[in-house]
Amino acid sequence: MGAEKQYIDLFAQSEELINVHSAPLLNEQRSEAMRHFAKMGFPDKKSERYRYTDVEQLFAPDYGLNLKQLDVDANPYEAFKCDVPNMSTALYFIVNDSFYETNKVSAELPEGVLVGGLKDIAEKHPEILKKYYAQLADVSKDPVTAFNTAFAQDGFCIYVPKGVVLDKAIQLVSILRSTIDLIVNRRILIILEENAQARLLVCDHTTGTAQFLSTQVVEVFAADNAKLELYEIEETSRTNTRISNMYIHQAQNSSVHVNGMTLTNGTTRNTVDVQLVGRGAEVSLAGIAIEDTNQHVDNHTYINHKTTDCTSRELYKYVLNDFSTGAFTGRVVVSPGAQRTLSQQTNNNLCLSKNAKMYAQPQLEIYADDVKCGHGATTGQLDEAALFYMQQRGISQKEARMLLMFAFVNEVIDTISMEELKERLHYLIEKRFRGELNKCGSCSNCKLE
């Protein structure tokens, strides 16, 4: 046993302390989660599920944990000023792994809607959350999920009751800040009852020079006819490691769209696990990864069509330069009896240097006969003929390369329904491709220079 021993020992010594600074509902799951984690240990690259990301090695350094949930010297409302033109959102913050309560301006939300810190909502409304929390995230099957369930003390929660439509998008800004190298563990729980609708934008940022390892577990419940749009933008630092496991459960005629965009990072591993259990459910997964230096992005998706007339679409694109590494594993299962399934999976990649590496593994498992399913993966370089054609018309080589890269990823950006966010991403990605400071410009910590 290697890196995991220090965390097993820490949990044994600190379980009471962890519980004191969390909610009873979260505490109920800890011991069982740790039991499974101790049995499995961290996965290494011999594990099929994590073959492109060595999780055991990522946890090996000596990180601190803020188990006492001590306040961090940061006021995100002063540091972060959203300047996306015309984008009006209900704004919330997580600092490291704790929901930020101080000076929060309460958003005007419809009656019955709950939005805020997971710990607080779990304490005040356990009767609502009890049947959802840790019900999708199976601690017996994934060691990172088990680790997170054992240590996470807070996070973020959205509960939208039956028939309620949130006109204003929810924006959650996660800020990592510390004077020491730190592990943070957070949960996000999203519950949409029948005919409910919501949009959530999650933005990840770092400040300072400390190294962070963040684990995140997201559980999404979409009841009959519910509709969710979930956008994630990672703009952290090259010393940041992020491991995120998202679990989605969809009932009849529900619709979920998830778009994850990695613009700046160190090492990122994203897992999305979707269960289409209700007839007519529809899911759309999309993502962009822009990498250079030694950055690493690994997206792993699993979609299980469990019943008839469901639809899934996937579109992931990577742009890799220098010594960066990308990985995409997409597994779609059409279960027995899941007739009239529609499924399309696409993964396209650009390698801009001879040292960049891309691993693509699309997979289809079909156990029904009345289906329309397809998948495809391509990896190549910029079109030299197109570059030559553009230069012949007076466009510099640098500008031509940038325009071709932008056109390549634009298809993913177009899956975003929020026009203001789409326009801002056009700006951010153009700055990224030009090699300029690739920060959002919306907070004093990362103001464009």
Protein backbone atom coordinates (compact mmCIF):
# COMPACT_ATOMS: atom_id res chain seq x y z
CA MET A 1 0.00 0.00 0.00
CA GLY A 2 1.44 3.36 -1.07
CA ALA A 3 -0.04 6.85 -1.12
CA GLU A 4 -3.41 5.79 0.30
CA LYS A 5 -2.03 4.73 3.71
CA GLN A 6 -1.50 8.29 4.91
CA TYR A 7 -5.16 9.12 4.16
CA ILE A 8 -6.50 5.94 5.75
CA ASP A 9 -4.54 6.76 8.90
CA LEU A 10 -5.63 10.40 8.79
CA PHE A 11 -9.29 9.42 8.54
CA ALA A 12 -8.99 7.02 11.47
CA GLN A 13 -7.47 9.79 13.59
CA SER A 14 -9.75 12.61 12.43
CA GLU A 15 -13.20 11.16 11.65
CA GLU A 16 -14.80 12.91 14.61
CA LEU A 17 -13.23 16.23 13.64
CA ILE A 18 -14.42 15.83 10.04
CA ASN A 19 -17.97 15.10 11.26
CA VAL A 20 -18.08 18.10 13.60
CA HIS A 21 -17.46 20.46 10.70
CA SER A 22 -19.98 18.91 8.33
CA ALA A 23 -23.63 17.81 8.31
CA PRO A 24 -25.13 14.55 9.66
CA LEU A 25 -26.36 13.52 6.22
CA LEU A 26 -22.84 13.73 4.77
CA ASN A 27 -21.38 12.03 7.84
CA GLU A 28 -23.62 8.97 7.44
CA GLN A 29 -21.69 7.91 4.33
CA ARG A 30 -18.11 8.38 5.50
CA SER A 31 -17.20 5.15 7.25
CA GLU A 32 -18.60 2.96 4.48
CA ALA A 33 -16.82 5.07 1.86
CA MET A 34 -13.50 4.79 3.67
CA ARG A 35 -13.94 1.04 4.05
CA HIS A 36 -14.27 0.70 0.28
CA PHE A 37 -11.39 3.12 -0.34
CA ALA A 38 -9.09 1.13 1.95
CA LYS A 39 -10.03 -2.02 0.08
CA MET A 40 -9.48 -0.58 -3.42
CA GLY A 41 -6.65 1.91 -2.88
CA PHE A 42 -5.77 4.55 -5.44
CA PRO A 43 -5.88 3.32 -9.03
CA ASP A 44 -2.69 3.35 -11.07
CA LYS A 45 -2.27 3.17 -14.84
CA LYS A 46 -2.79 -0.59 -14.77
CA SER A 47 -6.45 0.13 -14.02
CA GLU A 48 -8.48 0.10 -17.24
CA ARG A 49 -10.69 2.93 -16.00
CA TYR A 50 -7.67 5.15 -15.26
CA ARG A 51 -5.16 3.83 -17.77
CA TYR A 52 -4.21 7.31 -19.07
CA THR A 53 -3.97 9.09 -15.69
CA ASP A 54 -1.87 7.77 -12.81
CA VAL A 55 -4.04 8.79 -9.86
CA GLU A 56 -1.85 7.06 -7.29
CA GLN A 57 1.11 9.20 -8.33
CA LEU A 58 -1.00 12.37 -8.16
CA PHE A 59 -1.85 11.75 -4.50
CA ALA A 60 1.71 10.82 -3.50
CA PRO A 61 2.94 14.35 -2.55
CA ASP A 62 2.39 15.64 0.98
CA TYR A 63 -0.71 17.85 0.85
CA GLY A 64 -2.57 19.51 3.68
CA LEU A 65 -6.31 19.24 4.34
CA ASN A 66 -8.42 21.91 6.03
CA LEU A 67 -10.47 19.48 8.15
CA LYS A 68 -11.35 22.19 10.68
CA GLN A 69 -12.82 24.25 7.83
CA LEU A 70 -10.86 27.32 8.94
CA ASP A 71 -11.78 30.52 7.14
CA VAL A 72 -9.50 31.48 4.27
CA ASP A 73 -8.38 35.09 4.04
CA ALA A 74 -10.29 35.86 0.87
CA ASN A 75 -13.34 37.89 -0.11
CA PRO A 76 -14.37 36.61 -3.54
CA TYR A 77 -17.03 39.29 -3.89
CA GLU A 78 -14.22 41.83 -3.95
CA ALA A 79 -11.82 39.72 -6.00
CA PHE A 80 -14.30 38.56 -8.62
CA LYS A 81 -16.24 41.02 -10.74
CA CYS A 82 -18.05 39.25 -13.55
CA ASP A 83 -17.65 41.43 -16.65
CA VAL A 84 -19.29 39.21 -19.24
CA PRO A 85 -21.41 41.77 -21.12
CA ASN A 86 -25.16 41.43 -20.53
CA MET A 87 -24.82 38.13 -18.64
CA SER A 88 -27.00 38.31 -15.57
CA THR A 89 -26.59 35.35 -13.22
CA ALA A 90 -27.33 34.44 -9.62
CA LEU A 91 -23.76 34.39 -8.31
CA TYR A 92 -22.36 32.04 -5.63
CA PHE A 93 -18.86 31.14 -4.47
CA ILE A 94 -16.89 28.20 -3.11
CA VAL A 95 -13.50 29.00 -1.59
CA ASN A 96 -11.44 25.81 -1.70
CA ASP A 97 -14.07 23.27 -0.61
CA SER A 98 -16.33 25.47 1.55
CA PHE A 99 -19.37 27.44 0.46
CA TYR A 100 -18.76 31.16 1.00
CA GLU A 101 -21.56 32.63 3.13
CA THR A 102 -20.16 35.98 4.26
CA ASN A 103 -21.73 39.09 2.72
CA LYS A 104 -23.60 36.99 0.22
CA VAL A 105 -26.36 38.88 -1.57
CA SER A 106 -29.36 36.55 -1.70
CA ALA A 107 -30.65 35.95 -5.20
CA GLU A 108 -34.37 36.27 -5.83
CA LEU A 109 -35.42 32.69 -6.45
CA PRO A 110 -38.87 31.17 -6.91
CA GLU A 111 -40.60 29.72 -3.87
CA GLY A 112 -39.35 26.29 -2.90
CA VAL A 113 -36.04 26.55 -4.76
CA LEU A 114 -32.95 25.79 -2.68
CA VAL A 115 -29.55 27.06 -3.81
CA GLY A 116 -26.49 27.33 -1.62
CA GLY A 117 -24.01 25.44 0.53
CA LEU A 118 -24.54 21.68 0.64
CA LYS A 119 -23.74 21.46 4.35
CA ASP A 120 -26.29 24.13 5.23
CA ILE A 121 -29.07 22.73 3.04
CA ALA A 122 -28.40 19.18 4.27
CA GLU A 123 -28.79 20.38 7.87
CA LYS A 124 -31.98 22.35 7.21
CA HIS A 125 -33.67 20.05 4.67
CA PRO A 126 -32.42 16.49 5.26
CA GLU A 127 -35.84 15.12 4.30
CA ILE A 128 -35.31 16.36 0.73
CA LEU A 129 -31.64 15.50 0.26
CA LYS A 130 -31.59 12.12 1.99
CA LYS A 131 -32.94 10.21 -1.00
CA TYR A 132 -30.42 11.82 -3.36
CA TYR A 133 -27.07 12.41 -1.67
CA ALA A 134 -24.50 9.65 -2.46
CA GLN A 135 -27.14 7.57 -4.23
CA LEU A 136 -25.56 7.79 -7.70
CA ALA A 137 -21.92 8.06 -6.65
CA ASP A 138 -21.20 4.41 -5.88
CA VAL A 139 -18.32 4.26 -3.40
CA SER A 140 -17.82 0.55 -4.07
CA LYS A 141 -16.88 1.07 -7.72
CA ASP A 142 -14.59 4.10 -7.86
CA PRO A 143 -11.82 4.82 -5.33
CA VAL A 144 -11.71 8.58 -6.01
CA THR A 145 -15.45 8.80 -5.41
CA ALA A 146 -14.96 6.82 -2.19
CA PHE A 147 -12.11 9.12 -1.12
CA ASN A 148 -14.20 12.22 -1.79
CA THR A 149 -17.23 10.83 0.05
CA ALA A 150 -15.07 10.09 3.08
CA PHE A 151 -13.50 13.55 3.28
CA ALA A 152 -15.89 16.08 1.65
CA GLN A 153 -17.47 18.36 4.27
CA ASP A 154 -19.33 20.89 2.13
CA GLY A 155 -20.10 21.86 -1.43
CA PHE A 156 -22.98 23.26 -3.44
CA CYS A 157 -26.60 22.23 -3.91
CA ILE A 158 -29.41 23.15 -6.29
CA TYR A 159 -32.93 21.85 -5.70
CA VAL A 160 -35.69 22.93 -8.11
CA PRO A 161 -39.17 21.65 -7.23
CA LYS A 162 -41.81 20.35 -9.61
CA GLY A 163 -42.76 22.68 -12.45
CA VAL A 164 -40.38 25.52 -11.54
CA VAL A 165 -38.29 27.14 -14.28
CA LEU A 166 -35.25 29.22 -13.26
CA ASP A 167 -35.11 32.08 -15.73
CA LYS A 168 -31.79 33.35 -14.37
CA ALA A 169 -28.75 31.11 -14.73
CA ILE A 170 -26.88 30.05 -11.58
CA GLN A 171 -23.14 30.83 -11.60
CA LEU A 172 -20.82 29.06 -9.18
CA VAL A 173 -17.28 30.40 -8.97
CA SER A 174 -14.76 28.08 -7.31
CA ILE A 175 -11.64 29.85 -6.07
CA LEU A 176 -8.63 27.85 -4.84
CA ARG A 177 -6.52 29.85 -2.41
CA SER A 178 -3.93 28.71 0.13
CA THR A 179 -0.48 29.44 1.53
CA ILE A 180 0.37 25.72 1.57
CA ASP A 181 -0.13 22.86 -0.88
CA LEU A 182 -3.66 21.63 -0.31
CA ILE A 183 -6.18 18.91 -1.15
CA VAL A 184 -9.76 20.15 -1.47
CA ASN A 185 -12.79 17.86 -1.69
CA ARG A 186 -16.16 19.21 -2.71
CA ARG A 187 -19.59 17.87 -3.65
CA ILE A 188 -22.18 19.29 -6.01
CA LEU A 189 -25.75 17.99 -5.84
CA ILE A 190 -28.29 19.01 -8.50
CA ILE A 191 -31.93 17.92 -8.17
CA LEU A 192 -34.55 18.84 -10.76
CA GLU A 193 -38.02 17.51 -10.10
CA GLU A 194 -40.69 16.94 -12.79
CA ASN A 195 -40.86 19.69 -15.46
CA ALA A 196 -38.19 21.77 -13.69
CA GLN A 197 -35.54 23.67 -15.63
CA ALA A 198 -32.20 25.22 -14.67
CA ARG A 199 -28.88 26.41 -16.08
CA LEU A 200 -25.62 26.24 -14.13
CA LEU A 201 -22.23 27.73 -15.01
CA VAL A 202 -19.26 26.52 -12.91
CA CYS A 203 -15.97 28.43 -13.19
CA ASP A 204 -12.74 27.14 -11.59
CA HIS A 205 -9.95 29.61 -10.73
CA THR A 206 -6.77 29.57 -8.64
CA THR A 207 -4.86 32.35 -6.87
CA GLY A 208 -1.34 32.35 -5.52
CA THR A 209 1.43 29.82 -6.10
CA ALA A 210 0.37 26.86 -3.93
CA GLN A 211 -0.24 23.48 -5.53
CA PHE A 212 -3.78 22.10 -5.32
CA LEU A 213 -5.27 18.68 -5.78
CA SER A 214 -9.05 18.99 -6.02
CA THR A 215 -11.51 16.12 -6.06
CA GLN A 216 -15.08 16.79 -7.05
CA VAL A 217 -18.13 14.53 -7.15
CA VAL A 218 -21.25 15.82 -8.93
CA GLU A 219 -24.61 14.06 -8.73
CA VAL A 220 -27.40 15.12 -11.12
CA PHE A 221 -31.00 13.95 -10.88
CA ALA A 222 -33.30 14.95 -13.76
CA ALA A 223 -36.88 13.80 -13.21
CA ASP A 224 -39.58 13.44 -15.91
CA ASN A 225 -39.43 16.28 -18.46
CA ALA A 226 -36.73 18.14 -16.50
CA LYS A 227 -34.17 20.17 -18.41
CA LEU A 228 -30.63 21.06 -17.29
CA GLU A 229 -27.75 22.88 -18.96
CA LEU A 230 -24.43 22.57 -17.14
CA TYR A 231 -21.32 24.41 -18.30
CA GLU A 232 -17.90 24.00 -16.67
CA ILE A 233 -14.92 26.23 -17.44
CA GLU A 234 -11.51 25.40 -15.97
CA GLU A 235 -9.04 28.28 -15.86
CA THR A 236 -6.73 27.28 -13.06
CA SER A 237 -2.93 27.03 -12.98
CA ARG A 238 -0.31 24.67 -14.34
CA THR A 239 0.32 23.37 -10.81
CA ASN A 240 -3.32 22.40 -10.29
CA THR A 241 -4.62 18.82 -10.41
CA ARG A 242 -8.36 18.26 -10.81
CA ILE A 243 -10.23 14.94 -10.62
CA SER A 244 -13.96 15.24 -11.20
CA ASN A 245 -16.54 12.44 -11.27
CA MET A 246 -20.03 13.37 -12.48
CA TYR A 247 -23.00 11.01 -12.20
CA ILE A 248 -26.25 11.74 -14.08
CA HIS A 249 -29.62 9.97 -13.68
CA GLN A 250 -32.30 10.84 -16.25
CA ALA A 251 -35.98 9.97 -16.13
CA GLN A 252 -38.58 10.02 -18.90
CA ASN A 253 -38.25 12.78 -21.53
CA SER A 254 -35.60 14.61 -19.52
CA SER A 255 -32.88 16.60 -21.26
CA VAL A 256 -29.36 17.23 -19.96
CA HIS A 257 -26.56 19.10 -21.72
CA VAL A 258 -23.04 19.14 -20.23
CA ASN A 259 -20.21 21.15 -21.77
CA GLY A 260 -16.79 21.03 -20.08
CA MET A 261 -14.06 23.37 -21.33
CA THR A 262 -10.47 23.11 -20.11
CA LEU A 263 -8.67 26.30 -21.09
CA THR A 264 -5.83 26.37 -18.54
CA ASN A 265 -4.80 23.59 -16.16
CA GLY A 266 -2.08 21.28 -14.96
CA THR A 267 -3.52 17.76 -14.84
CA THR A 268 -7.24 17.16 -15.34
CA ARG A 269 -9.27 13.98 -15.23
CA ASN A 270 -13.04 14.30 -15.88
CA THR A 271 -15.46 11.37 -15.70
CA VAL A 272 -19.11 11.64 -16.79
CA ASP A 273 -21.37 8.65 -16.07
CA VAL A 274 -24.91 8.88 -17.52
CA GLN A 275 -27.81 6.53 -16.86
CA LEU A 276 -30.75 7.00 -19.25
CA VAL A 277 -33.47 5.16 -17.35
CA GLY A 278 -36.63 6.85 -18.65
CA ARG A 279 -38.09 6.53 -22.12
CA GLY A 280 -37.32 9.48 -24.38
CA ALA A 281 -34.45 10.83 -22.26
CA GLU A 282 -31.83 12.84 -24.12
CA VAL A 283 -28.25 13.70 -23.14
CA SER A 284 -25.62 15.80 -24.90
CA LEU A 285 -21.98 15.82 -23.76
CA ALA A 286 -19.41 18.21 -25.23
CA GLY A 287 -15.94 19.40 -24.36
CA ILE A 288 -12.87 21.37 -25.40
CA ALA A 289 -9.30 20.85 -24.18
CA ILE A 290 -6.60 23.35 -25.14
CA GLU A 291 -3.16 22.24 -23.97
CA ASP A 292 0.52 23.07 -24.28
CA THR A 293 3.73 22.64 -22.23
CA ASN A 294 3.19 19.44 -20.15
CA GLN A 295 -0.53 19.81 -19.53
CA HIS A 296 -2.72 16.71 -19.38
CA VAL A 297 -6.49 16.35 -19.94
CA ASP A 298 -8.27 13.00 -19.73
CA ASN A 299 -12.02 12.85 -20.43
CA HIS A 300 -13.76 9.56 -19.72
CA THR A 301 -17.47 9.18 -20.53
CA TYR A 302 -19.94 6.34 -20.03
CA ILE A 303 -23.53 6.45 -21.29
CA ASN A 304 -25.92 3.60 -20.58
CA HIS A 305 -29.12 3.49 -22.64
CA LYS A 306 -31.29 1.43 -20.33
CA THR A 307 -34.64 1.84 -22.06
CA THR A 308 -36.28 2.66 -25.38
CA ASP A 309 -36.30 5.84 -27.49
CA CYS A 310 -33.35 7.58 -25.81
CA THR A 311 -30.79 9.81 -27.52
CA SER A 312 -27.16 10.56 -26.73
CA ARG A 313 -24.69 12.85 -28.48
CA GLU A 314 -21.02 13.41 -27.70
CA LEU A 315 -18.60 15.92 -29.22
CA TYR A 316 -15.10 16.37 -27.79
CA LYS A 317 -12.23 18.29 -29.38
CA TYR A 318 -8.61 18.67 -28.28
CA VAL A 319 -5.87 21.05 -29.45
CA LEU A 320 -2.46 19.81 -28.24
CA ASN A 321 0.92 21.51 -28.46
CA ASP A 322 4.43 21.07 -27.05
CA PHE A 323 4.63 17.99 -24.76
CA SER A 324 0.98 17.97 -23.72
CA THR A 325 -1.12 14.81 -23.49
CA GLY A 326 -4.79 14.26 -24.20
CA ALA A 327 -7.01 11.24 -23.68
CA PHE A 328 -10.62 10.51 -24.55
CA THR A 329 -12.43 7.29 -23.67
CA GLY A 330 -16.09 7.19 -24.62
CA ARG A 331 -18.16 4.09 -23.88
CA VAL A 332 -21.80 3.83 -24.97
CA VAL A 333 -23.86 0.81 -23.93
CA VAL A 334 -27.24 0.02 -25.48
CA SER A 335 -28.83 -2.40 -23.03
CA PRO A 336 -31.07 -5.30 -24.04
CA GLY A 337 -34.51 -4.02 -24.99
CA ALA A 338 -33.37 -0.40 -25.49
CA GLN A 339 -34.88 -0.25 -28.98
CA ARG A 340 -34.96 2.87 -31.16
CA THR A 341 -31.80 4.21 -29.53
CA LEU A 342 -30.03 7.08 -31.28
CA SER A 343 -26.40 7.63 -30.37
CA GLN A 344 -23.54 9.53 -31.99
CA GLN A 345 -20.05 9.98 -30.54
CA THR A 346 -17.38 12.19 -32.12
CA ASN A 347 -13.84 12.93 -30.97
CA ASN A 348 -11.59 15.14 -33.15
CA ASN A 349 -8.04 16.16 -32.21
CA LEU A 350 -5.26 18.41 -33.45
CA CYS A 351 -1.63 17.72 -32.57
CA LEU A 352 0.40 20.84 -33.32
CA SER A 353 3.79 19.40 -32.36
CA LYS A 354 5.50 16.07 -32.90
CA ASN A 355 5.81 15.61 -29.13
CA ALA A 356 2.11 16.03 -28.30
CA LYS A 357 0.25 12.77 -27.67
CA MET A 358 -3.43 11.90 -28.01
CA TYR A 359 -5.09 8.65 -26.90
CA ALA A 360 -8.60 8.04 -28.27
CA GLN A 361 -10.72 5.03 -27.38
CA PRO A 362 -14.33 5.19 -28.64
CA GLN A 363 -16.46 2.19 -27.68
CA LEU A 364 -19.93 0.93 -28.60
CA GLU A 365 -21.68 -2.03 -26.98
CA ILE A 366 -25.04 -2.76 -28.56
CA TYR A 367 -27.47 -5.40 -27.27
CA ALA A 368 -30.57 -4.30 -29.24
CA ASP A 369 -31.33 -4.56 -32.95
CA ASP A 370 -33.39 -1.44 -33.75
CA VAL A 371 -30.80 1.30 -33.19
CA LYS A 372 -28.90 4.02 -35.03
CA CYS A 373 -25.46 4.35 -33.45
CA GLY A 374 -22.12 5.61 -34.66
CA HIS A 375 -18.77 6.79 -33.38
CA GLY A 376 -15.64 8.26 -34.84
CA ALA A 377 -12.27 9.62 -33.77
CA THR A 378 -9.70 11.55 -35.78
CA THR A 379 -6.27 12.89 -34.87
CA GLY A 380 -4.25 15.02 -37.24
CA GLN A 381 -2.50 18.31 -37.89
CA LEU A 382 -3.58 21.63 -39.32
CA ASP A 383 -4.42 21.52 -43.00
CA GLU A 384 -1.25 22.67 -44.80
CA ALA A 385 -3.19 23.40 -47.98
CA ALA A 386 -5.57 25.69 -46.08
CA LEU A 387 -2.62 27.43 -44.41
CA PHE A 388 -0.98 27.99 -47.80
CA TYR A 389 -4.24 29.25 -49.32
CA MET A 390 -4.74 31.80 -46.52
CA GLN A 391 -1.13 33.01 -46.67
CA GLN A 392 -1.47 33.53 -50.41
CA ARG A 393 -4.24 35.99 -49.61
CA GLY A 394 -2.13 38.08 -47.27
CA ILE A 395 -2.89 36.41 -43.93
CA SER A 396 0.22 35.78 -41.82
CA GLN A 397 1.05 32.20 -40.92
CA LYS A 398 0.48 32.88 -37.20
CA GLU A 399 -2.92 34.42 -37.86
CA ALA A 400 -3.89 31.66 -40.27
CA ARG A 401 -3.02 28.98 -37.72
CA MET A 402 -5.07 30.77 -35.07
CA LEU A 403 -8.08 31.07 -37.40
CA LEU A 404 -7.96 27.38 -38.31
CA MET A 405 -7.70 26.32 -34.66
CA PHE A 406 -10.57 28.57 -33.71
CA ALA A 407 -12.75 27.18 -36.51
CA PHE A 408 -11.86 23.68 -35.33
CA VAL A 409 -13.23 24.16 -31.78
CA ASN A 410 -16.09 26.48 -32.69
CA GLU A 411 -18.49 23.57 -33.22
CA VAL A 412 -18.29 22.80 -29.49
CA ILE A 413 -18.82 26.43 -28.51
CA ASP A 414 -21.94 26.49 -30.67
CA THR A 415 -23.57 23.89 -28.41
CA ILE A 416 -23.90 26.63 -25.75
CA SER A 417 -27.34 28.25 -25.61
CA MET A 418 -26.30 31.27 -23.52
CA GLU A 419 -25.27 33.81 -26.17
CA GLU A 420 -23.38 36.04 -23.72
CA LEU A 421 -21.30 33.12 -22.52
CA LYS A 422 -20.69 31.95 -26.07
CA GLU A 423 -19.36 35.38 -27.06
CA ARG A 424 -17.09 35.51 -24.02
CA LEU A 425 -15.66 32.09 -24.79
CA HIS A 426 -14.90 33.20 -28.34
CA TYR A 427 -12.79 35.97 -26.80
CA LEU A 428 -11.08 33.74 -24.22
CA ILE A 429 -10.20 31.01 -26.69
CA GLU A 430 -8.87 33.48 -29.22
CA LYS A 431 -6.59 34.94 -26.52
CA ARG A 432 -5.51 31.42 -25.61
CA PHE A 433 -4.59 30.54 -29.19
CA ARG A 434 -2.70 33.79 -29.59
CA GLY A 435 -0.52 32.80 -26.64
CA GLU A 436 -1.60 35.81 -24.62
CA LEU A 437 -2.45 35.73 -20.93
CA ASN A 438 -5.22 33.17 -20.88
CA LYS A 439 -7.30 34.35 -17.99
CA CYS A 440 -10.86 35.56 -17.98
CA GLY A 441 -10.12 39.16 -16.97
CA SER A 442 -13.11 39.05 -14.64
CA CYS A 443 -11.24 39.08 -11.35
CA SER A 444 -8.45 41.14 -9.90
CA ASN A 445 -6.34 37.99 -9.49
CA CYS A 446 -6.16 37.28 -13.20
CA LYS A 447 -6.69 40.66 -14.86
CA LEU A 448 -5.58 40.68 -18.47
CA GLU A 449 -2.31 42.49 -19.02
